[in-house]
Amino acid sequence: MKNKDVFRQSIKYIQRKVKDILEQVSQDEIDKIKKLFFKTKHIFVYGAGRSGLVAKAFAIRLRHLGFQAFVIGETITVPVQKNDLVVIVSGSGETIPAIMTAEIAHNLEAKVVSITGKKNSDIARYADVTLYLPVSCDEEERKKYAPLGTLFEASVWILLDGLVADLLDSKNETEETMRRRHATLEQ
């Protein structure tokens, strides 16, 4: 049997790295993004793969907060229009569908927020605001304890949950008001 401690070492490594990454996020950029949420009728999220799953989780919380939030690519999503907000999550910032989504949203005169691990990425070219998460590192530990895009996805998940808390406060919402918009078939 291999090292039995890998699980704990991985958790500690991911926690440490995510903390370091998120401490570098600019409060000014968060404030700019937050303002966009209150200037729009519809909010759209997009991401591919695991980034897409994080984006979908964010859309759910936005719905709980009372925002008109949609996931691009879902069958019941309304069309993006001028002054709507499109949030794109892409670790590389170079995923072809993410670039196309950013370009189309930009051309429609929607506001675009990109969240990426690559500062000068192609999606950032089309963004009104880019949140850059400095996740790249070639440490051997990363390859062992947080392979592929783990650090980006974990960081974005926590970042977006922090933004939800900030929006909750700004809207004078509570967990109870969010709960009323939660799943309707629960007892």
C-alpha atoms as a PDB file:
ATOM      1  CA  MET A   1       0.000   0.000   0.000  1.00  0.00           C
ATOM      2  CA  LYS A   2       1.245   3.467  -0.851  1.00  0.00           C
ATOM      3  CA  ASN A   3       1.533   6.388   1.566  1.00  0.00           C
ATOM      4  CA  LYS A   4      -1.605   6.371   3.744  1.00  0.00           C
ATOM      5  CA  ASP A   5      -1.187  10.069   4.515  1.00  0.00           C
ATOM      6  CA  VAL A   6      -1.790  11.374   0.978  1.00  0.00           C
ATOM      7  CA  PHE A   7      -5.410  12.311   1.707  1.00  0.00           C
ATOM      8  CA  ARG A   8      -4.493  14.576   4.647  1.00  0.00           C
ATOM      9  CA  GLN A   9      -1.437  15.997   2.874  1.00  0.00           C
ATOM     10  CA  SER A  10      -3.570  16.807  -0.157  1.00  0.00           C
ATOM     11  CA  ILE A  11      -6.231  18.584   1.910  1.00  0.00           C
ATOM     12  CA  LYS A  12      -3.607  20.656   3.733  1.00  0.00           C
ATOM     13  CA  TYR A  13      -1.852  21.519   0.475  1.00  0.00           C
ATOM     14  CA  ILE A  14      -5.063  22.568  -1.289  1.00  0.00           C
ATOM     15  CA  GLN A  15      -6.204  24.658   1.690  1.00  0.00           C
ATOM     16  CA  ARG A  16      -2.861  26.446   1.901  1.00  0.00           C
ATOM     17  CA  LYS A  17      -2.658  27.137  -1.819  1.00  0.00           C
ATOM     18  CA  VAL A  18      -6.283  28.309  -2.129  1.00  0.00           C
ATOM     19  CA  LYS A  19      -5.775  30.674   0.791  1.00  0.00           C
ATOM     20  CA  ASP A  20      -2.666  32.127  -0.877  1.00  0.00           C
ATOM     21  CA  ILE A  21      -4.462  32.484  -4.222  1.00  0.00           C
ATOM     22  CA  LEU A  22      -7.575  34.157  -2.813  1.00  0.00           C
ATOM     23  CA  GLU A  23      -5.578  36.611  -0.694  1.00  0.00           C
ATOM     24  CA  GLN A  24      -4.293  38.068  -3.972  1.00  0.00           C
ATOM     25  CA  VAL A  25      -7.775  38.837  -5.351  1.00  0.00           C
ATOM     26  CA  SER A  26      -8.293  42.571  -5.724  1.00  0.00           C
ATOM     27  CA  GLN A  27     -11.113  44.034  -3.623  1.00  0.00           C
ATOM     28  CA  ASP A  28     -11.455  46.764  -6.260  1.00  0.00           C
ATOM     29  CA  GLU A  29     -12.199  44.135  -8.905  1.00  0.00           C
ATOM     30  CA  ILE A  30     -14.742  42.445  -6.611  1.00  0.00           C
ATOM     31  CA  ASP A  31     -16.430  45.822  -6.061  1.00  0.00           C
ATOM     32  CA  LYS A  32     -16.570  46.455  -9.830  1.00  0.00           C
ATOM     33  CA  ILE A  33     -18.134  43.054 -10.396  1.00  0.00           C
ATOM     34  CA  LYS A  34     -20.607  43.524  -7.574  1.00  0.00           C
ATOM     35  CA  LYS A  35     -21.808  46.807  -9.113  1.00  0.00           C
ATOM     36  CA  LEU A  36     -22.483  45.014 -12.393  1.00  0.00           C
ATOM     37  CA  PHE A  37     -24.867  42.625 -10.625  1.00  0.00           C
ATOM     38  CA  PHE A  38     -27.079  45.533  -9.607  1.00  0.00           C
ATOM     39  CA  LYS A  39     -27.079  47.180 -13.060  1.00  0.00           C
ATOM     40  CA  THR A  40     -28.453  44.251 -15.028  1.00  0.00           C
ATOM     41  CA  LYS A  41     -31.690  42.376 -15.498  1.00  0.00           C
ATOM     42  CA  HIS A  42     -30.200  38.993 -16.413  1.00  0.00           C
ATOM     43  CA  ILE A  43     -27.014  37.244 -15.318  1.00  0.00           C
ATOM     44  CA  PHE A  44     -25.545  34.415 -17.370  1.00  0.00           C
ATOM     45  CA  VAL A  45     -22.752  32.052 -16.378  1.00  0.00           C
ATOM     46  CA  TYR A  46     -20.590  29.852 -18.547  1.00  0.00           C
ATOM     47  CA  GLY A  47     -17.752  27.432 -18.087  1.00  0.00           C
ATOM     48  CA  ALA A  48     -16.620  24.149 -19.603  1.00  0.00           C
ATOM     49  CA  GLY A  49     -15.860  20.968 -17.677  1.00  0.00           C
ATOM     50  CA  ARG A  50     -15.286  21.381 -13.963  1.00  0.00           C
ATOM     51  CA  SER A  51     -15.208  25.169 -14.365  1.00  0.00           C
ATOM     52  CA  GLY A  52     -18.712  24.835 -15.778  1.00  0.00           C
ATOM     53  CA  LEU A  53     -19.841  22.913 -12.718  1.00  0.00           C
ATOM     54  CA  VAL A  54     -18.528  25.692 -10.478  1.00  0.00           C
ATOM     55  CA  ALA A  55     -20.327  28.262 -12.659  1.00  0.00           C
ATOM     56  CA  LYS A  56     -23.593  26.292 -12.408  1.00  0.00           C
ATOM     57  CA  ALA A  57     -23.307  26.140  -8.622  1.00  0.00           C
ATOM     58  CA  PHE A  58     -22.871  29.919  -8.619  1.00  0.00           C
ATOM     59  CA  ALA A  59     -25.981  30.359 -10.801  1.00  0.00           C
ATOM     60  CA  ILE A  60     -27.992  28.348  -8.275  1.00  0.00           C
ATOM     61  CA  ARG A  61     -26.923  30.651  -5.449  1.00  0.00           C
ATOM     62  CA  LEU A  62     -27.706  33.719  -7.558  1.00  0.00           C
ATOM     63  CA  ARG A  63     -31.237  32.348  -8.048  1.00  0.00           C
ATOM     64  CA  HIS A  64     -31.498  31.832  -4.303  1.00  0.00           C
ATOM     65  CA  LEU A  65     -30.594  35.513  -3.928  1.00  0.00           C
ATOM     66  CA  GLY A  66     -33.402  36.507  -6.290  1.00  0.00           C
ATOM     67  CA  PHE A  67     -31.298  37.327  -9.345  1.00  0.00           C
ATOM     68  CA  GLN A  68     -32.477  36.250 -12.798  1.00  0.00           C
ATOM     69  CA  ALA A  69     -29.559  33.900 -13.425  1.00  0.00           C
ATOM     70  CA  PHE A  70     -29.112  31.438 -16.271  1.00  0.00           C
ATOM     71  CA  VAL A  71     -26.546  28.899 -17.452  1.00  0.00           C
ATOM     72  CA  ILE A  72     -25.493  29.409 -21.072  1.00  0.00           C
ATOM     73  CA  GLY A  73     -26.183  26.255 -23.046  1.00  0.00           C
ATOM     74  CA  GLU A  74     -29.172  25.094 -20.998  1.00  0.00           C
ATOM     75  CA  THR A  75     -32.414  24.716 -22.938  1.00  0.00           C
ATOM     76  CA  ILE A  76     -34.443  27.164 -20.821  1.00  0.00           C
ATOM     77  CA  THR A  77     -31.917  30.000 -20.927  1.00  0.00           C
ATOM     78  CA  VAL A  78     -33.200  33.294 -22.348  1.00  0.00           C
ATOM     79  CA  PRO A  79     -31.133  35.112 -25.001  1.00  0.00           C
ATOM     80  CA  VAL A  80     -28.286  37.373 -23.870  1.00  0.00           C
ATOM     81  CA  GLN A  81     -29.037  41.012 -24.646  1.00  0.00           C
ATOM     82  CA  LYS A  82     -27.412  44.417 -24.373  1.00  0.00           C
ATOM     83  CA  ASN A  83     -26.436  45.323 -20.782  1.00  0.00           C
ATOM     84  CA  ASP A  84     -26.946  41.769 -19.487  1.00  0.00           C
ATOM     85  CA  LEU A  85     -24.083  40.333 -17.424  1.00  0.00           C
ATOM     86  CA  VAL A  86     -22.116  37.288 -18.602  1.00  0.00           C
ATOM     87  CA  VAL A  87     -19.699  35.628 -16.163  1.00  0.00           C
ATOM     88  CA  ILE A  88     -17.253  33.209 -17.781  1.00  0.00           C
ATOM     89  CA  VAL A  89     -15.097  30.817 -15.761  1.00  0.00           C
ATOM     90  CA  SER A  90     -12.076  29.393 -17.576  1.00  0.00           C
ATOM     91  CA  GLY A  91      -8.827  28.336 -15.948  1.00  0.00           C
ATOM     92  CA  SER A  92      -6.807  28.690 -19.127  1.00  0.00           C
ATOM     93  CA  GLY A  93      -8.889  31.508 -20.579  1.00  0.00           C
ATOM     94  CA  GLU A  94      -8.198  29.831 -23.916  1.00  0.00           C
ATOM     95  CA  THR A  95     -10.989  27.259 -24.165  1.00  0.00           C
ATOM     96  CA  ILE A  96     -12.576  27.813 -27.586  1.00  0.00           C
ATOM     97  CA  PRO A  97     -16.230  27.764 -26.403  1.00  0.00           C
ATOM     98  CA  ALA A  98     -15.367  30.198 -23.581  1.00  0.00           C
ATOM     99  CA  ILE A  99     -13.649  32.577 -26.012  1.00  0.00           C
ATOM    100  CA  MET A 100     -16.597  32.373 -28.407  1.00  0.00           C
ATOM    101  CA  THR A 101     -19.042  33.042 -25.564  1.00  0.00           C
ATOM    102  CA  ALA A 102     -17.031  36.064 -24.437  1.00  0.00           C
ATOM    103  CA  GLU A 103     -16.778  37.427 -27.968  1.00  0.00           C
ATOM    104  CA  ILE A 104     -20.485  36.968 -28.719  1.00  0.00           C
ATOM    105  CA  ALA A 105     -21.511  38.543 -25.396  1.00  0.00           C
ATOM    106  CA  HIS A 106     -19.148  41.446 -26.025  1.00  0.00           C
ATOM    107  CA  ASN A 107     -20.545  41.940 -29.535  1.00  0.00           C
ATOM    108  CA  LEU A 108     -24.090  41.947 -28.111  1.00  0.00           C
ATOM    109  CA  GLU A 109     -22.936  44.743 -25.759  1.00  0.00           C
ATOM    110  CA  ALA A 110     -23.441  42.646 -22.661  1.00  0.00           C
ATOM    111  CA  LYS A 111     -21.082  43.217 -19.757  1.00  0.00           C
ATOM    112  CA  VAL A 112     -18.519  40.421 -19.530  1.00  0.00           C
ATOM    113  CA  VAL A 113     -16.687  39.231 -16.432  1.00  0.00           C
ATOM    114  CA  SER A 114     -13.960  36.666 -16.944  1.00  0.00           C
ATOM    115  CA  ILE A 115     -12.521  34.601 -14.131  1.00  0.00           C
ATOM    116  CA  THR A 116      -9.309  32.965 -15.258  1.00  0.00           C
ATOM    117  CA  GLY A 117      -5.929  31.680 -14.216  1.00  0.00           C
ATOM    118  CA  LYS A 118      -4.229  33.353 -17.179  1.00  0.00           C
ATOM    119  CA  LYS A 119      -3.965  37.129 -16.961  1.00  0.00           C
ATOM    120  CA  ASN A 120      -3.639  37.934 -20.669  1.00  0.00           C
ATOM    121  CA  SER A 121      -5.957  35.234 -21.939  1.00  0.00           C
ATOM    122  CA  ASP A 122      -8.188  35.444 -24.979  1.00  0.00           C
ATOM    123  CA  ILE A 123     -11.376  35.683 -22.870  1.00  0.00           C
ATOM    124  CA  ALA A 124      -9.877  38.609 -20.949  1.00  0.00           C
ATOM    125  CA  ARG A 125      -9.692  40.574 -24.230  1.00  0.00           C
ATOM    126  CA  TYR A 126     -13.489  40.643 -24.336  1.00  0.00           C
ATOM    127  CA  ALA A 127     -14.086  41.238 -20.631  1.00  0.00           C
ATOM    128  CA  ASP A 128     -15.128  44.436 -18.911  1.00  0.00           C
ATOM    129  CA  VAL A 129     -13.621  43.021 -15.713  1.00  0.00           C
ATOM    130  CA  THR A 130     -11.185  40.141 -15.363  1.00  0.00           C
ATOM    131  CA  LEU A 131     -10.573  38.396 -12.075  1.00  0.00           C
ATOM    132  CA  TYR A 132      -7.177  36.800 -12.329  1.00  0.00           C
ATOM    133  CA  LEU A 133      -6.426  33.941  -9.960  1.00  0.00           C
ATOM    134  CA  PRO A 134      -2.680  33.218  -9.877  1.00  0.00           C
ATOM    135  CA  VAL A 135      -2.934  29.453  -9.729  1.00  0.00           C
ATOM    136  CA  SER A 136      -0.056  28.359 -11.922  1.00  0.00           C
ATOM    137  CA  CYS A 137       2.796  26.620 -10.199  1.00  0.00           C
ATOM    138  CA  ASP A 138       5.034  23.770 -11.210  1.00  0.00           C
ATOM    139  CA  GLU A 139       5.601  22.409  -7.733  1.00  0.00           C
ATOM    140  CA  GLU A 140       5.860  18.642  -7.578  1.00  0.00           C
ATOM    141  CA  GLU A 141       3.409  18.801  -4.655  1.00  0.00           C
ATOM    142  CA  ARG A 142       0.754  20.355  -6.902  1.00  0.00           C
ATOM    143  CA  LYS A 143       1.092  17.554  -9.411  1.00  0.00           C
ATOM    144  CA  LYS A 144       0.661  14.996  -6.643  1.00  0.00           C
ATOM    145  CA  TYR A 145      -1.928  16.656  -4.370  1.00  0.00           C
ATOM    146  CA  ALA A 146      -3.910  18.954  -6.697  1.00  0.00           C
ATOM    147  CA  PRO A 147      -3.613  17.678 -10.279  1.00  0.00           C
ATOM    148  CA  LEU A 148      -4.807  19.499 -13.373  1.00  0.00           C
ATOM    149  CA  GLY A 149      -7.139  22.424 -12.581  1.00  0.00           C
ATOM    150  CA  THR A 150      -7.936  21.560  -8.975  1.00  0.00           C
ATOM    151  CA  LEU A 151      -6.449  24.752  -7.483  1.00  0.00           C
ATOM    152  CA  PHE A 152      -8.312  26.975  -9.945  1.00  0.00           C
ATOM    153  CA  GLU A 153     -11.662  25.263  -9.520  1.00  0.00           C
ATOM    154  CA  ALA A 154     -11.449  25.106  -5.723  1.00  0.00           C
ATOM    155  CA  SER A 155     -10.379  28.764  -5.581  1.00  0.00           C
ATOM    156  CA  VAL A 156     -13.189  29.915  -7.886  1.00  0.00           C
ATOM    157  CA  TRP A 157     -15.788  27.980  -5.902  1.00  0.00           C
ATOM    158  CA  ILE A 158     -14.764  29.704  -2.670  1.00  0.00           C
ATOM    159  CA  LEU A 159     -14.334  33.075  -4.390  1.00  0.00           C
ATOM    160  CA  LEU A 160     -17.865  32.920  -5.818  1.00  0.00           C
ATOM    161  CA  ASP A 161     -19.329  31.809  -2.480  1.00  0.00           C
ATOM    162  CA  GLY A 162     -17.613  34.833  -0.917  1.00  0.00           C
ATOM    163  CA  LEU A 163     -19.205  37.014  -3.598  1.00  0.00           C
ATOM    164  CA  VAL A 164     -22.598  35.447  -2.779  1.00  0.00           C
ATOM    165  CA  ALA A 165     -22.150  36.435   0.879  1.00  0.00           C
ATOM    166  CA  ASP A 166     -21.229  39.976  -0.199  1.00  0.00           C
ATOM    167  CA  LEU A 167     -24.301  40.183  -2.471  1.00  0.00           C
ATOM    168  CA  LEU A 168     -26.474  38.725   0.310  1.00  0.00           C
ATOM    169  CA  ASP A 169     -25.379  41.562   2.575  1.00  0.00           C
ATOM    170  CA  SER A 170     -25.740  44.240  -0.124  1.00  0.00           C
ATOM    171  CA  LYS A 171     -29.276  43.110  -0.957  1.00  0.00           C
ATOM    172  CA  ASN A 172     -30.249  42.936   2.731  1.00  0.00           C
ATOM    173  CA  GLU A 173     -31.146  39.314   2.207  1.00  0.00           C
ATOM    174  CA  THR A 174     -30.877  36.563   4.783  1.00  0.00           C
ATOM    175  CA  GLU A 175     -30.411  32.839   4.661  1.00  0.00           C
ATOM    176  CA  GLU A 176     -34.147  32.590   5.365  1.00  0.00           C
ATOM    177  CA  THR A 177     -35.117  34.712   2.340  1.00  0.00           C
ATOM    178  CA  MET A 178     -32.743  32.604   0.246  1.00  0.00           C
ATOM    179  CA  ARG A 179     -34.299  29.416   1.620  1.00  0.00           C
ATOM    180  CA  ARG A 180     -37.737  30.552   0.351  1.00  0.00           C
ATOM    181  CA  ARG A 181     -36.304  30.501  -3.187  1.00  0.00           C
ATOM    182  CA  HIS A 182     -34.666  27.111  -2.631  1.00  0.00           C
ATOM    183  CA  ALA A 183     -36.000  23.769  -3.914  1.00  0.00           C
ATOM    184  CA  THR A 184     -39.799  23.856  -3.878  1.00  0.00           C
ATOM    185  CA  LEU A 185     -40.443  20.152  -3.412  1.00  0.00           C
ATOM    186  CA  GLU A 186     -38.768  19.837  -0.023  1.00  0.00           C
ATOM    187  CA  GLN A 187     -40.840  19.609   3.158  1.00  0.00           C
END
